[in-house]
N, C-alpha and C. Protein backbone atom coordinates (compact mmCIF):
# COMPACT_ATOMS: atom_id res chain seq x y z
N PRO A 1 -69.37 39.15 69.08
CA PRO A 1 -68.67 40.17 69.11
C PRO A 1 -68.10 40.44 67.53
N GLY A 2 -68.59 39.07 67.35
CA GLY A 2 -68.91 39.36 64.98
C GLY A 2 -69.79 40.67 65.05
N CYS A 3 -70.82 39.66 65.74
CA CYS A 3 -71.75 40.56 65.36
C CYS A 3 -72.38 42.26 65.27
N LEU A 4 -71.64 42.74 66.45
CA LEU A 4 -71.41 44.02 66.76
C LEU A 4 -70.79 44.83 65.47
N LEU A 5 -69.86 43.63 65.41
CA LEU A 5 -68.52 44.78 64.35
C LEU A 5 -69.70 45.18 63.49
N GLN A 6 -69.94 43.67 62.68
CA GLN A 6 -71.15 43.82 61.29
C GLN A 6 -71.80 44.72 61.01
N ILE A 7 -72.76 45.25 62.54
CA ILE A 7 -73.28 46.59 62.76
C ILE A 7 -73.14 47.37 63.24
N LEU A 8 -72.41 47.79 63.30
CA LEU A 8 -71.28 49.20 63.78
C LEU A 8 -70.88 49.04 61.98
N SER A 9 -70.62 48.71 61.34
CA SER A 9 -69.68 48.23 59.47
C SER A 9 -71.10 48.63 58.79
N TYR A 10 -72.31 48.35 59.37
CA TYR A 10 -73.44 48.27 57.95
C TYR A 10 -73.59 50.26 58.96
N LEU A 11 -73.57 50.24 60.19
CA LEU A 11 -74.33 51.29 60.24
C LEU A 11 -73.28 52.37 59.53
N GLY A 12 -71.75 52.35 59.68
CA GLY A 12 -71.12 53.18 58.91
C GLY A 12 -70.97 53.04 57.28
N ALA A 13 -71.80 51.95 56.52
CA ALA A 13 -71.43 52.44 55.34
C ALA A 13 -72.72 52.81 54.76
N CYS A 14 -74.26 52.68 55.57
CA CYS A 14 -75.59 53.42 55.95
C CYS A 14 -75.03 55.09 55.44
N ASP A 15 -74.20 55.58 56.56
CA ASP A 15 -74.36 56.98 57.40
C ASP A 15 -73.18 57.13 56.12
N ARG A 16 -72.06 56.53 55.91
CA ARG A 16 -71.30 57.44 54.15
C ARG A 16 -72.39 57.80 53.25
N LEU A 17 -73.20 56.94 52.46
CA LEU A 17 -73.63 56.50 51.40
C LEU A 17 -75.01 57.91 51.92
N LEU A 18 -75.59 58.03 52.86
CA LEU A 18 -76.46 59.22 53.35
C LEU A 18 -75.85 60.53 53.18
N LYS A 19 -74.56 60.21 53.74
CA LYS A 19 -73.72 61.71 53.47
C LYS A 19 -73.77 62.38 51.75
N GLN A 20 -73.72 60.88 50.88
CA GLN A 20 -73.98 61.26 49.50
C GLN A 20 -74.69 61.49 49.02
N GLY A 21 -75.98 62.03 49.53
CA GLY A 21 -76.68 62.50 49.67
C GLY A 21 -78.66 60.93 48.70
N TYR A 22 -77.91 59.78 49.05
CA TYR A 22 -79.43 58.98 49.12
C TYR A 22 -80.12 58.75 50.19
N GLU A 23 -81.68 58.91 49.56
CA GLU A 23 -82.54 59.23 50.41
C GLU A 23 -82.31 57.26 51.25
N GLU A 24 -82.67 57.28 53.32
CA GLU A 24 -82.78 56.18 53.90
C GLU A 24 -83.09 55.33 52.90
N GLY A 25 -84.16 55.19 52.62
CA GLY A 25 -84.69 53.89 52.38
C GLY A 25 -84.44 53.39 51.36
N GLN A 26 -83.75 54.12 50.26
CA GLN A 26 -83.37 53.63 49.44
C GLN A 26 -81.30 52.81 49.74
N VAL A 27 -80.82 53.97 50.47
CA VAL A 27 -79.50 53.05 51.55
C VAL A 27 -79.62 51.78 51.62
N GLU A 28 -81.34 51.82 52.61
CA GLU A 28 -81.13 50.08 53.06
C GLU A 28 -81.28 49.56 52.63
N GLU A 29 -82.30 49.76 51.12
CA GLU A 29 -82.71 48.90 50.02
C GLU A 29 -81.49 48.15 49.88
N ALA A 30 -81.10 49.29 49.26
CA ALA A 30 -79.79 48.70 48.26
C ALA A 30 -78.36 47.85 48.92
N MET A 31 -78.59 48.02 50.61
CA MET A 31 -77.76 47.30 51.40
C MET A 31 -77.69 45.87 51.97
N GLU A 32 -79.59 46.13 51.11
CA GLU A 32 -80.14 44.39 51.80
C GLU A 32 -79.30 43.26 50.18
N MET A 33 -79.86 44.04 49.27
CA MET A 33 -80.21 43.26 47.56
C MET A 33 -78.07 43.64 47.50
N PHE A 34 -77.18 43.87 48.31
CA PHE A 34 -76.26 43.53 48.22
C PHE A 34 -74.92 43.26 49.22
N GLN A 35 -75.91 42.14 50.12
CA GLN A 35 -76.01 41.59 51.09
C GLN A 35 -74.82 41.89 52.00
N TYR A 36 -75.40 43.69 52.24
CA TYR A 36 -73.87 44.50 52.89
C TYR A 36 -73.22 44.89 52.22
N SER A 37 -72.84 45.12 50.44
CA SER A 37 -71.44 45.41 50.04
C SER A 37 -71.78 46.56 49.56
N GLU A 38 -70.83 47.55 50.81
CA GLU A 38 -70.48 48.85 50.87
C GLU A 38 -70.55 49.76 49.49
N LYS A 39 -69.67 48.96 48.62
CA LYS A 39 -69.32 49.07 47.39
C LYS A 39 -70.51 48.98 45.72
N LYS A 40 -70.72 47.72 45.79
CA LYS A 40 -71.95 48.08 45.41
C LYS A 40 -73.69 47.90 45.49
N ALA A 41 -73.73 48.48 47.04
CA ALA A 41 -74.74 49.12 46.75
C ALA A 41 -74.86 50.20 46.89
N ALA A 42 -73.62 51.09 46.75
CA ALA A 42 -73.33 52.80 46.32
C ALA A 42 -72.70 52.56 44.69
N GLU A 43 -72.72 51.42 44.22
CA GLU A 43 -72.79 51.68 42.53
C GLU A 43 -73.86 50.96 41.82
N PHE A 44 -74.85 50.37 42.52
CA PHE A 44 -76.41 50.85 42.08
C PHE A 44 -76.74 52.10 42.45
N LEU A 45 -77.03 53.17 43.17
CA LEU A 45 -77.08 53.90 44.01
C LEU A 45 -77.38 55.17 42.80
N HIS A 46 -75.79 54.86 42.60
CA HIS A 46 -75.55 55.94 42.27
C HIS A 46 -75.61 55.35 40.30
N LEU A 47 -76.13 54.76 40.20
CA LEU A 47 -76.65 54.13 38.74
C LEU A 47 -77.98 54.63 38.48
N LEU A 48 -78.44 54.36 39.72
CA LEU A 48 -79.90 54.26 40.03
C LEU A 48 -80.04 56.09 39.84
N ALA A 49 -79.19 56.46 40.85
CA ALA A 49 -79.84 58.58 40.59
C ALA A 49 -79.94 58.77 38.84
N GLN A 50 -78.61 58.23 37.97
CA GLN A 50 -78.32 58.54 37.02
C GLN A 50 -79.56 57.89 35.98
N PHE A 51 -79.65 57.19 36.03
CA PHE A 51 -81.17 56.63 35.16
C PHE A 51 -82.57 56.92 35.58
N ASN A 52 -82.31 57.57 36.74
CA ASN A 52 -83.52 58.00 37.10
C ASN A 52 -83.16 59.92 36.36
N ASP A 53 -82.96 60.28 36.20
CA ASP A 53 -82.72 61.52 35.77
C ASP A 53 -82.27 61.75 34.54
N MET A 54 -82.81 59.95 33.50
CA MET A 54 -82.71 60.15 32.21
C MET A 54 -83.82 60.31 32.10
N GLY A 55 -84.86 60.06 33.05
CA GLY A 55 -86.30 60.14 33.18
C GLY A 55 -87.03 58.10 32.76
N PHE A 56 -85.80 57.69 33.20
CA PHE A 56 -85.93 56.25 32.89
C PHE A 56 -87.04 56.02 34.50
N GLN A 57 -88.44 55.00 34.76
CA GLN A 57 -89.13 54.84 36.25
C GLN A 57 -88.14 54.22 37.30
N GLN A 58 -88.41 54.18 38.21
CA GLN A 58 -86.94 53.88 39.45
C GLN A 58 -87.74 51.74 39.02
N ASN A 59 -88.54 51.90 38.89
CA ASN A 59 -88.43 49.86 39.87
C ASN A 59 -88.35 49.71 38.24
N GLU A 60 -88.56 49.92 37.36
CA GLU A 60 -87.89 49.37 36.31
C GLU A 60 -86.43 49.84 36.15
N ILE A 61 -85.63 50.82 36.61
CA ILE A 61 -83.96 50.76 36.64
C ILE A 61 -83.48 50.33 37.52
N LYS A 62 -84.67 49.73 38.91
CA LYS A 62 -83.52 48.73 40.48
C LYS A 62 -83.53 47.12 39.19
N GLU A 63 -84.99 47.05 38.77
CA GLU A 63 -85.17 45.55 37.78
C GLU A 63 -83.90 45.26 37.24
N VAL A 64 -83.44 45.75 35.84
CA VAL A 64 -82.36 46.28 34.85
C VAL A 64 -81.48 46.44 35.66
N LEU A 65 -80.84 46.59 36.39
CA LEU A 65 -79.43 46.78 37.37
C LEU A 65 -79.21 45.72 37.93
N LEU A 66 -80.48 45.02 38.53
CA LEU A 66 -79.93 43.35 39.61
C LEU A 66 -79.87 42.53 38.37
N LEU A 67 -80.78 42.40 37.41
CA LEU A 67 -80.45 41.76 36.61
C LEU A 67 -79.24 41.39 35.59
N CYS A 68 -78.44 42.95 35.90
CA CYS A 68 -77.23 43.00 34.29
C CYS A 68 -75.97 42.74 35.71
N GLY A 69 -76.16 43.39 37.15
CA GLY A 69 -75.35 43.24 38.05
C GLY A 69 -74.68 44.17 38.43
N ASN A 70 -75.07 45.50 37.91
CA ASN A 70 -75.05 46.99 38.25
C ASN A 70 -73.97 47.10 36.86
N GLN A 71 -74.01 46.54 35.59
CA GLN A 71 -73.47 46.65 34.53
C GLN A 71 -73.74 48.65 33.71
N ARG A 72 -73.28 49.23 33.79
CA ARG A 72 -74.16 50.39 33.09
C ARG A 72 -74.79 50.50 32.01
N GLU A 73 -73.42 50.18 31.04
CA GLU A 73 -74.25 50.00 29.43
C GLU A 73 -74.90 49.01 29.09
N LYS A 74 -74.64 47.36 30.04
CA LYS A 74 -75.91 45.99 30.04
C LYS A 74 -77.13 47.13 29.88
N ALA A 75 -76.93 48.00 31.25
CA ALA A 75 -78.49 48.20 31.68
C ALA A 75 -79.32 49.06 30.99
N LEU A 76 -78.37 49.80 30.56
CA LEU A 76 -79.03 51.09 30.15
C LEU A 76 -79.20 50.99 28.27
N GLU A 77 -78.69 49.69 27.80
CA GLU A 77 -79.55 49.11 26.92
C GLU A 77 -81.30 48.61 27.24
N GLU A 78 -80.97 47.88 27.95
CA GLU A 78 -82.30 46.91 28.87
C GLU A 78 -83.10 47.87 29.27
N LEU A 79 -83.47 49.42 28.59
CA LEU A 79 -83.83 50.00 30.03
C LEU A 79 -84.09 50.85 28.30
N VAL A 80 -83.52 50.95 27.35
CA VAL A 80 -83.53 51.64 26.20
C VAL A 80 -85.08 50.87 25.73
N MET A 81 -84.46 49.02 25.44
CA MET A 81 -85.01 48.80 24.61
C MET A 81 -86.56 49.18 25.64
N LYS A 82 -87.24 49.05 26.75
CA LYS A 82 -88.37 48.55 27.38
C LYS A 82 -89.53 49.36 26.84
C-alpha cells in the first residue's frame, strides 16, 4: 500500500507541474533529481525557465542550479561568470 501512495503522490505532483506549463520530460527529470520533492522540483523548473528566458543554455542552467541548490542569486552569479 505504501508504494501505491507514493506512485499516486508522484503522479499528482507531475500533473500539477504539467498544468503550470512545464514540459513532461523536464518535470520527470526534475522530480527524479530532487527525490520526488514537488516543492524543489517546482523551484528548479521555475528557475530553469527564468534563466532560459534570459538566454542561458539549458544544460548549463541545470548544472548550476544543482550545484547551487536552487539558490537563484548564487546560480545567476555562476551563469554570468561562465
